[in-house]
Amino acid sequence: MTEPATTETAPLSLWARAVGMITSPKATYQNVVAAPRPFGILFISLILFSIAAAIPQMQPEARRQMMDAQVRGMERFGVTVTPEMAQQFEQQSASPLAKVWAIVGPFIFFTVLALLTTAVFWALFNVVFGGTASFKQVLAVTNHSYVITALGALAAMPVLLYQFKMSFGGPFNLGALAPGLDPSSSLSRFLSAINLFSLWAWVNFAIGLAVLYRRKTMNIAIGLIFLYLVFTYLMSSLFGSFMGS
């Protein structure tokens, strides 16, 4: 049976836990699983996600590229986009409601995603592997791993502000490893969809699960990265051409 890691230790502050996810994730996760507090750290990450999502809505060029991606996606699925439909999309993208949704949407999406991710891994490790961690502990690990993803969103803000370019993997991806590839090729789209901060976040999450369930980080990290790469390949194949990558 896989027992959760529990030790008597003074809970770290919210700021210390956020910084610890970057500088010393293992030690920080040991504190997190001993005194799980999942909601404050999630709220901070959600604020950064919301800001990053709202920035493109403030730029006409960004809105145009997002609308073009939407049109390409519809056309790929056999929908003929008339000039009237395109004009309607443009009006909707510039509406106040779209700006409000850009701010509110990440709070809903990432909160639901955190709960679903937690449920999947709680069930996997507790039911399949015989662990005994509480749902709150797994939720705390999940939410703290969001710090890395939020850091990526924060780092991308200057790029979005000064040189916006639609990319499935964001501005920090592996596409630069193969500059000579045809941008429309499957390999180029796949590499461009692999976000470096997402890779870091999954490794960070693996460290948290390893601490919580007293398992080897390497084994969990390999499994999570494999799943991430498979999912990324499927998404880049389906949606990569929509984004112009």
C-alpha atoms as a PDB file:
ATOM      1  CA  MET A   1       0.000   0.000   0.000  1.00  0.00           C
ATOM      2  CA  THR A   2       1.255   3.481  -0.857  1.00  0.00           C
ATOM      3  CA  GLU A   3       1.025   5.696   2.206  1.00  0.00           C
ATOM      4  CA  PRO A   4       0.878   9.488   1.790  1.00  0.00           C
ATOM      5  CA  ALA A   5       3.785  11.479   3.105  1.00  0.00           C
ATOM      6  CA  THR A   6       2.898  13.272   6.326  1.00  0.00           C
ATOM      7  CA  THR A   7       5.297  15.067   8.621  1.00  0.00           C
ATOM      8  CA  GLU A   8       4.830  17.551  11.433  1.00  0.00           C
ATOM      9  CA  THR A   9       6.072  20.900  10.143  1.00  0.00           C
ATOM     10  CA  ALA A  10       5.066  24.541  10.297  1.00  0.00           C
ATOM     11  CA  PRO A  11       3.002  25.498   7.224  1.00  0.00           C
ATOM     12  CA  LEU A  12       4.788  27.758   4.775  1.00  0.00           C
ATOM     13  CA  SER A  13       3.288  31.089   3.789  1.00  0.00           C
ATOM     14  CA  LEU A  14       1.586  31.511   0.431  1.00  0.00           C
ATOM     15  CA  TRP A  15       4.537  33.470  -0.928  1.00  0.00           C
ATOM     16  CA  ALA A  16       7.062  30.915   0.343  1.00  0.00           C
ATOM     17  CA  ARG A  17       5.139  28.093  -1.297  1.00  0.00           C
ATOM     18  CA  ALA A  18       4.893  29.965  -4.602  1.00  0.00           C
ATOM     19  CA  VAL A  19       8.632  30.670  -4.673  1.00  0.00           C
ATOM     20  CA  GLY A  20       9.388  27.160  -3.431  1.00  0.00           C
ATOM     21  CA  MET A  21       7.671  25.619  -6.448  1.00  0.00           C
ATOM     22  CA  ILE A  22      10.439  27.222  -8.519  1.00  0.00           C
ATOM     23  CA  THR A  23      13.474  27.006  -6.237  1.00  0.00           C
ATOM     24  CA  SER A  24      12.936  23.852  -4.155  1.00  0.00           C
ATOM     25  CA  PRO A  25       9.807  21.959  -5.232  1.00  0.00           C
ATOM     26  CA  LYS A  26      10.475  18.723  -3.330  1.00  0.00           C
ATOM     27  CA  ALA A  27      10.924  20.407   0.044  1.00  0.00           C
ATOM     28  CA  THR A  28       7.955  22.674  -0.644  1.00  0.00           C
ATOM     29  CA  TYR A  29       5.711  19.762  -1.600  1.00  0.00           C
ATOM     30  CA  GLN A  30       6.681  18.006   1.632  1.00  0.00           C
ATOM     31  CA  ASN A  31       5.265  20.995   3.464  1.00  0.00           C
ATOM     32  CA  VAL A  32       2.235  21.208   1.175  1.00  0.00           C
ATOM     33  CA  VAL A  33       1.136  17.597   1.652  1.00  0.00           C
ATOM     34  CA  ALA A  34       1.615  17.856   5.421  1.00  0.00           C
ATOM     35  CA  ALA A  35      -0.592  20.962   5.595  1.00  0.00           C
ATOM     36  CA  PRO A  36      -2.608  21.087   2.349  1.00  0.00           C
ATOM     37  CA  ARG A  37      -3.969  24.527   1.505  1.00  0.00           C
ATOM     38  CA  PRO A  38      -5.004  24.349  -2.146  1.00  0.00           C
ATOM     39  CA  PHE A  39      -7.095  27.447  -2.746  1.00  0.00           C
ATOM     40  CA  GLY A  40      -4.907  30.502  -2.120  1.00  0.00           C
ATOM     41  CA  ILE A  41      -2.203  29.360  -4.510  1.00  0.00           C
ATOM     42  CA  LEU A  42      -4.819  28.515  -7.139  1.00  0.00           C
ATOM     43  CA  PHE A  43      -6.333  31.983  -6.889  1.00  0.00           C
ATOM     44  CA  ILE A  44      -2.956  33.642  -7.510  1.00  0.00           C
ATOM     45  CA  SER A  45      -2.385  31.456 -10.574  1.00  0.00           C
ATOM     46  CA  LEU A  46      -5.883  32.175 -11.877  1.00  0.00           C
ATOM     47  CA  ILE A  47      -5.256  35.908 -11.707  1.00  0.00           C
ATOM     48  CA  LEU A  48      -2.157  35.515 -13.893  1.00  0.00           C
ATOM     49  CA  PHE A  49      -4.014  33.245 -16.330  1.00  0.00           C
ATOM     50  CA  SER A  50      -6.795  35.809 -16.560  1.00  0.00           C
ATOM     51  CA  ILE A  51      -4.399  38.667 -17.271  1.00  0.00           C
ATOM     52  CA  ALA A  52      -2.621  36.634 -19.952  1.00  0.00           C
ATOM     53  CA  ALA A  53      -5.962  35.776 -21.600  1.00  0.00           C
ATOM     54  CA  ALA A  54      -7.183  39.380 -21.474  1.00  0.00           C
ATOM     55  CA  ILE A  55      -4.089  40.876 -23.115  1.00  0.00           C
ATOM     56  CA  PRO A  56      -4.873  39.596 -26.645  1.00  0.00           C
ATOM     57  CA  GLN A  57      -8.366  41.071 -26.360  1.00  0.00           C
ATOM     58  CA  MET A  58      -6.799  44.507 -25.972  1.00  0.00           C
ATOM     59  CA  GLN A  59      -4.902  44.273 -29.261  1.00  0.00           C
ATOM     60  CA  PRO A  60      -6.664  44.534 -32.652  1.00  0.00           C
ATOM     61  CA  GLU A  61      -3.992  42.427 -34.385  1.00  0.00           C
ATOM     62  CA  ALA A  62      -4.340  39.695 -31.780  1.00  0.00           C
ATOM     63  CA  ARG A  63      -8.119  39.670 -32.147  1.00  0.00           C
ATOM     64  CA  ARG A  64      -7.753  39.461 -35.919  1.00  0.00           C
ATOM     65  CA  GLN A  65      -5.446  36.463 -35.701  1.00  0.00           C
ATOM     66  CA  MET A  66      -7.768  34.752 -33.241  1.00  0.00           C
ATOM     67  CA  MET A  67     -10.704  35.345 -35.578  1.00  0.00           C
ATOM     68  CA  ASP A  68      -8.710  34.029 -38.556  1.00  0.00           C
ATOM     69  CA  ALA A  69      -7.893  30.890 -36.584  1.00  0.00           C
ATOM     70  CA  GLN A  70     -11.571  30.425 -35.793  1.00  0.00           C
ATOM     71  CA  VAL A  71     -12.501  30.811 -39.466  1.00  0.00           C
ATOM     72  CA  ARG A  72      -9.818  28.341 -40.594  1.00  0.00           C
ATOM     73  CA  GLY A  73     -11.043  25.851 -38.023  1.00  0.00           C
ATOM     74  CA  MET A  74     -14.634  26.091 -39.227  1.00  0.00           C
ATOM     75  CA  GLU A  75     -13.599  25.790 -42.860  1.00  0.00           C
ATOM     76  CA  ARG A  76     -11.505  22.737 -42.101  1.00  0.00           C
ATOM     77  CA  PHE A  77     -14.619  21.049 -40.750  1.00  0.00           C
ATOM     78  CA  GLY A  78     -16.571  21.866 -43.900  1.00  0.00           C
ATOM     79  CA  VAL A  79     -18.307  25.069 -42.806  1.00  0.00           C
ATOM     80  CA  THR A  80     -18.389  27.823 -45.412  1.00  0.00           C
ATOM     81  CA  VAL A  81     -17.728  31.153 -43.721  1.00  0.00           C
ATOM     82  CA  THR A  82     -19.482  33.925 -45.594  1.00  0.00           C
ATOM     83  CA  PRO A  83     -18.350  37.586 -45.439  1.00  0.00           C
ATOM     84  CA  GLU A  84     -21.401  38.302 -43.275  1.00  0.00           C
ATOM     85  CA  MET A  85     -20.377  35.563 -40.810  1.00  0.00           C
ATOM     86  CA  ALA A  86     -16.794  36.851 -40.741  1.00  0.00           C
ATOM     87  CA  GLN A  87     -18.051  40.363 -39.983  1.00  0.00           C
ATOM     88  CA  GLN A  88     -20.204  39.005 -37.180  1.00  0.00           C
ATOM     89  CA  PHE A  89     -17.214  37.158 -35.702  1.00  0.00           C
ATOM     90  CA  GLU A  90     -15.192  40.365 -35.802  1.00  0.00           C
ATOM     91  CA  GLN A  91     -17.919  42.303 -34.018  1.00  0.00           C
ATOM     92  CA  GLN A  92     -18.241  39.617 -31.374  1.00  0.00           C
ATOM     93  CA  SER A  93     -14.484  39.484 -30.780  1.00  0.00           C
ATOM     94  CA  ALA A  94     -14.412  43.254 -30.184  1.00  0.00           C
ATOM     95  CA  SER A  95     -17.491  43.313 -27.951  1.00  0.00           C
ATOM     96  CA  PRO A  96     -17.323  44.084 -24.204  1.00  0.00           C
ATOM     97  CA  LEU A  97     -18.715  40.601 -23.517  1.00  0.00           C
ATOM     98  CA  ALA A  98     -15.681  39.021 -25.185  1.00  0.00           C
ATOM     99  CA  LYS A  99     -13.372  41.053 -22.963  1.00  0.00           C
ATOM    100  CA  VAL A 100     -15.319  40.045 -19.858  1.00  0.00           C
ATOM    101  CA  TRP A 101     -15.194  36.386 -20.852  1.00  0.00           C
ATOM    102  CA  ALA A 102     -11.431  36.635 -21.439  1.00  0.00           C
ATOM    103  CA  ILE A 103     -11.094  37.691 -17.802  1.00  0.00           C
ATOM    104  CA  VAL A 104     -13.666  35.346 -16.270  1.00  0.00           C
ATOM    105  CA  GLY A 105     -13.137  32.335 -18.539  1.00  0.00           C
ATOM    106  CA  PRO A 106      -9.754  31.245 -17.118  1.00  0.00           C
ATOM    107  CA  PHE A 107     -11.176  31.230 -13.582  1.00  0.00           C
ATOM    108  CA  ILE A 108     -13.841  28.756 -14.668  1.00  0.00           C
ATOM    109  CA  PHE A 109     -11.711  26.674 -17.032  1.00  0.00           C
ATOM    110  CA  PHE A 110      -8.653  26.184 -14.835  1.00  0.00           C
ATOM    111  CA  THR A 111     -10.719  25.585 -11.704  1.00  0.00           C
ATOM    112  CA  VAL A 112     -12.657  22.812 -13.438  1.00  0.00           C
ATOM    113  CA  LEU A 113      -9.423  21.470 -14.931  1.00  0.00           C
ATOM    114  CA  ALA A 114      -7.798  21.369 -11.486  1.00  0.00           C
ATOM    115  CA  LEU A 115     -10.726  19.413 -10.050  1.00  0.00           C
ATOM    116  CA  LEU A 116     -10.785  16.962 -12.958  1.00  0.00           C
ATOM    117  CA  THR A 117      -7.013  16.451 -12.861  1.00  0.00           C
ATOM    118  CA  THR A 118      -7.160  15.890  -9.123  1.00  0.00           C
ATOM    119  CA  ALA A 119     -10.012  13.398  -9.451  1.00  0.00           C
ATOM    120  CA  VAL A 120      -8.160  11.410 -12.118  1.00  0.00           C
ATOM    121  CA  PHE A 121      -4.879  11.151 -10.216  1.00  0.00           C
ATOM    122  CA  TRP A 122      -6.535  10.643  -6.841  1.00  0.00           C
ATOM    123  CA  ALA A 123      -8.464   7.714  -8.313  1.00  0.00           C
ATOM    124  CA  LEU A 124      -5.398   6.371 -10.135  1.00  0.00           C
ATOM    125  CA  PHE A 125      -3.046   6.384  -7.163  1.00  0.00           C
ATOM    126  CA  ASN A 126      -5.586   5.530  -4.479  1.00  0.00           C
ATOM    127  CA  VAL A 127      -7.708   2.947  -6.262  1.00  0.00           C
ATOM    128  CA  VAL A 128      -5.228   1.390  -8.692  1.00  0.00           C
ATOM    129  CA  PHE A 129      -2.002   1.714  -6.702  1.00  0.00           C
ATOM    130  CA  GLY A 130      -3.483   1.453  -3.215  1.00  0.00           C
ATOM    131  CA  GLY A 131      -2.614   4.904  -1.922  1.00  0.00           C
ATOM    132  CA  THR A 132      -4.390   6.592   0.968  1.00  0.00           C
ATOM    133  CA  ALA A 133      -3.906  10.295   0.264  1.00  0.00           C
ATOM    134  CA  SER A 134      -6.904  12.558   0.732  1.00  0.00           C
ATOM    135  CA  PHE A 135      -8.537  14.385  -2.163  1.00  0.00           C
ATOM    136  CA  LYS A 136      -7.494  17.673  -0.540  1.00  0.00           C
ATOM    137  CA  GLN A 137      -3.840  16.626  -0.538  1.00  0.00           C
ATOM    138  CA  VAL A 138      -3.915  15.723  -4.232  1.00  0.00           C
ATOM    139  CA  LEU A 139      -5.765  18.966  -4.993  1.00  0.00           C
ATOM    140  CA  ALA A 140      -3.079  20.913  -3.142  1.00  0.00           C
ATOM    141  CA  VAL A 141      -0.366  19.215  -5.215  1.00  0.00           C
ATOM    142  CA  THR A 142      -2.277  19.911  -8.440  1.00  0.00           C
ATOM    143  CA  ASN A 143      -2.902  23.558  -7.643  1.00  0.00           C
ATOM    144  CA  HIS A 144       0.657  24.236  -6.558  1.00  0.00           C
ATOM    145  CA  SER A 145       1.968  22.826  -9.843  1.00  0.00           C
ATOM    146  CA  TYR A 146      -0.054  25.563 -11.569  1.00  0.00           C
ATOM    147  CA  VAL A 147       2.540  28.048 -10.315  1.00  0.00           C
ATOM    148  CA  ILE A 148       4.870  26.973 -13.119  1.00  0.00           C
ATOM    149  CA  THR A 149       2.168  27.309 -15.769  1.00  0.00           C
ATOM    150  CA  ALA A 150       1.259  30.732 -14.374  1.00  0.00           C
ATOM    151  CA  LEU A 151       4.942  31.695 -14.487  1.00  0.00           C
ATOM    152  CA  GLY A 152       4.914  30.800 -18.180  1.00  0.00           C
ATOM    153  CA  ALA A 153       1.866  32.995 -18.705  1.00  0.00           C
ATOM    154  CA  LEU A 154       3.632  35.838 -16.903  1.00  0.00           C
ATOM    155  CA  ALA A 155       6.799  35.403 -18.976  1.00  0.00           C
ATOM    156  CA  ALA A 156       4.760  35.436 -22.192  1.00  0.00           C
ATOM    157  CA  MET A 157       3.123  38.790 -21.412  1.00  0.00           C
ATOM    158  CA  PRO A 158       5.893  40.982 -22.906  1.00  0.00           C
ATOM    159  CA  VAL A 159       5.734  38.964 -26.128  1.00  0.00           C
ATOM    160  CA  LEU A 160       1.968  39.325 -26.259  1.00  0.00           C
ATOM    161  CA  LEU A 161       2.240  43.053 -25.632  1.00  0.00           C
ATOM    162  CA  TYR A 162       4.921  43.915 -28.188  1.00  0.00           C
ATOM    163  CA  GLN A 163       4.913  41.169 -30.811  1.00  0.00           C
ATOM    164  CA  PHE A 164       1.739  39.150 -30.694  1.00  0.00           C
ATOM    165  CA  LYS A 165       1.798  35.988 -32.787  1.00  0.00           C
ATOM    166  CA  MET A 166      -0.667  33.121 -32.605  1.00  0.00           C
ATOM    167  CA  SER A 167       1.101  29.897 -31.676  1.00  0.00           C
ATOM    168  CA  PHE A 168      -0.402  26.711 -30.316  1.00  0.00           C
ATOM    169  CA  GLY A 169       2.485  26.271 -27.876  1.00  0.00           C
ATOM    170  CA  GLY A 170       2.900  29.929 -26.971  1.00  0.00           C
ATOM    171  CA  PRO A 171       6.115  31.910 -27.442  1.00  0.00           C
ATOM    172  CA  PHE A 172       8.268  29.451 -25.470  1.00  0.00           C
ATOM    173  CA  ASN A 173       8.182  26.219 -27.449  1.00  0.00           C
ATOM    174  CA  LEU A 174      10.517  23.688 -29.070  1.00  0.00           C
ATOM    175  CA  GLY A 175       9.921  24.951 -32.587  1.00  0.00           C
ATOM    176  CA  ALA A 176      13.258  26.791 -32.497  1.00  0.00           C
ATOM    177  CA  LEU A 177      15.062  23.415 -32.398  1.00  0.00           C
ATOM    178  CA  ALA A 178      14.198  22.837 -36.056  1.00  0.00           C
ATOM    179  CA  PRO A 179      14.229  26.229 -37.814  1.00  0.00           C
ATOM    180  CA  GLY A 180      14.698  24.639 -41.239  1.00  0.00           C
ATOM    181  CA  LEU A 181      11.476  22.661 -41.139  1.00  0.00           C
ATOM    182  CA  ASP A 182       8.465  23.598 -43.210  1.00  0.00           C
ATOM    183  CA  PRO A 183       6.189  25.435 -40.724  1.00  0.00           C
ATOM    184  CA  SER A 184       3.191  23.548 -42.102  1.00  0.00           C
ATOM    185  CA  SER A 185       4.756  20.117 -41.549  1.00  0.00           C
ATOM    186  CA  SER A 186       3.467  17.804 -38.813  1.00  0.00           C
ATOM    187  CA  LEU A 187       6.836  17.738 -37.036  1.00  0.00           C
ATOM    188  CA  SER A 188       7.152  21.521 -37.051  1.00  0.00           C
ATOM    189  CA  ARG A 189       3.617  21.951 -35.684  1.00  0.00           C
ATOM    190  CA  PHE A 190       4.286  19.292 -33.044  1.00  0.00           C
ATOM    191  CA  LEU A 191       7.520  20.892 -31.831  1.00  0.00           C
ATOM    192  CA  SER A 192       5.916  24.336 -31.853  1.00  0.00           C
ATOM    193  CA  ALA A 193       3.077  23.016 -29.698  1.00  0.00           C
ATOM    194  CA  ILE A 194       5.397  21.727 -26.957  1.00  0.00           C
ATOM    195  CA  ASN A 195       5.477  24.481 -24.378  1.00  0.00           C
ATOM    196  CA  LEU A 196       8.596  24.505 -22.202  1.00  0.00           C
ATOM    197  CA  PHE A 197       6.710  25.755 -19.168  1.00  0.00           C
ATOM    198  CA  SER A 198       4.140  22.989 -19.604  1.00  0.00           C
ATOM    199  CA  LEU A 199       6.919  20.404 -19.581  1.00  0.00           C
ATOM    200  CA  TRP A 200       8.326  22.010 -16.446  1.00  0.00           C
ATOM    201  CA  ALA A 201       4.887  22.038 -14.836  1.00  0.00           C
ATOM    202  CA  TRP A 202       4.353  18.314 -15.481  1.00  0.00           C
ATOM    203  CA  VAL A 203       7.759  17.479 -14.015  1.00  0.00           C
ATOM    204  CA  ASN A 204       6.902  19.671 -11.045  1.00  0.00           C
ATOM    205  CA  PHE A 205       3.576  17.865 -10.668  1.00  0.00           C
ATOM    206  CA  ALA A 206       5.412  14.534 -10.803  1.00  0.00           C
ATOM    207  CA  ILE A 207       7.628  15.666  -7.930  1.00  0.00           C
ATOM    208  CA  GLY A 208       4.532  16.510  -5.893  1.00  0.00           C
ATOM    209  CA  LEU A 209       2.876  13.152  -6.559  1.00  0.00           C
ATOM    210  CA  ALA A 210       6.131  11.356  -5.760  1.00  0.00           C
ATOM    211  CA  VAL A 211       6.394  13.162  -2.423  1.00  0.00           C
ATOM    212  CA  LEU A 212       2.730  12.531  -1.602  1.00  0.00           C
ATOM    213  CA  TYR A 213       2.724   8.828  -2.473  1.00  0.00           C
ATOM    214  CA  ARG A 214       6.363   8.049  -1.649  1.00  0.00           C
ATOM    215  CA  ARG A 215       7.201   6.893  -5.150  1.00  0.00           C
ATOM    216  CA  LYS A 216      10.057   7.569  -7.564  1.00  0.00           C
ATOM    217  CA  THR A 217       9.790  10.918  -9.288  1.00  0.00           C
ATOM    218  CA  MET A 218      11.423   9.651 -12.486  1.00  0.00           C
ATOM    219  CA  ASN A 219       8.799   6.950 -13.095  1.00  0.00           C
ATOM    220  CA  ILE A 220       5.905   9.353 -12.582  1.00  0.00           C
ATOM    221  CA  ALA A 221       7.565  12.097 -14.653  1.00  0.00           C
ATOM    222  CA  ILE A 222       8.151   9.748 -17.603  1.00  0.00           C
ATOM    223  CA  GLY A 223       4.513   8.697 -17.571  1.00  0.00           C
ATOM    224  CA  LEU A 224       3.175  12.265 -17.325  1.00  0.00           C
ATOM    225  CA  ILE A 225       5.481  13.621 -20.030  1.00  0.00           C
ATOM    226  CA  PHE A 226       4.565  10.741 -22.339  1.00  0.00           C
ATOM    227  CA  LEU A 227       0.867  11.511 -21.900  1.00  0.00           C
ATOM    228  CA  TYR A 228       1.515  15.231 -22.419  1.00  0.00           C
ATOM    229  CA  LEU A 229       3.433  14.596 -25.653  1.00  0.00           C
ATOM    230  CA  VAL A 230       0.755  12.258 -27.005  1.00  0.00           C
ATOM    231  CA  PHE A 231      -1.980  14.786 -26.196  1.00  0.00           C
ATOM    232  CA  THR A 232       0.093  17.626 -27.678  1.00  0.00           C
ATOM    233  CA  TYR A 233       0.699  15.687 -30.879  1.00  0.00           C
ATOM    234  CA  LEU A 234      -3.008  14.990 -31.295  1.00  0.00           C
ATOM    235  CA  MET A 235      -3.943  18.612 -30.601  1.00  0.00           C
ATOM    236  CA  SER A 236      -1.241  19.988 -32.916  1.00  0.00           C
ATOM    237  CA  SER A 237      -2.407  17.666 -35.680  1.00  0.00           C
ATOM    238  CA  LEU A 238      -6.005  18.758 -35.233  1.00  0.00           C
ATOM    239  CA  PHE A 239      -5.620  22.444 -34.448  1.00  0.00           C
ATOM    240  CA  GLY A 240      -2.049  23.404 -35.352  1.00  0.00           C
ATOM    241  CA  SER A 241      -2.919  24.620 -38.812  1.00  0.00           C
ATOM    242  CA  PHE A 242      -5.681  26.794 -37.347  1.00  0.00           C
ATOM    243  CA  MET A 243      -3.090  28.802 -35.468  1.00  0.00           C
ATOM    244  CA  GLY A 244      -0.907  29.458 -38.459  1.00  0.00           C
ATOM    245  CA  SER A 245       1.993  27.436 -37.016  1.00  0.00           C
END
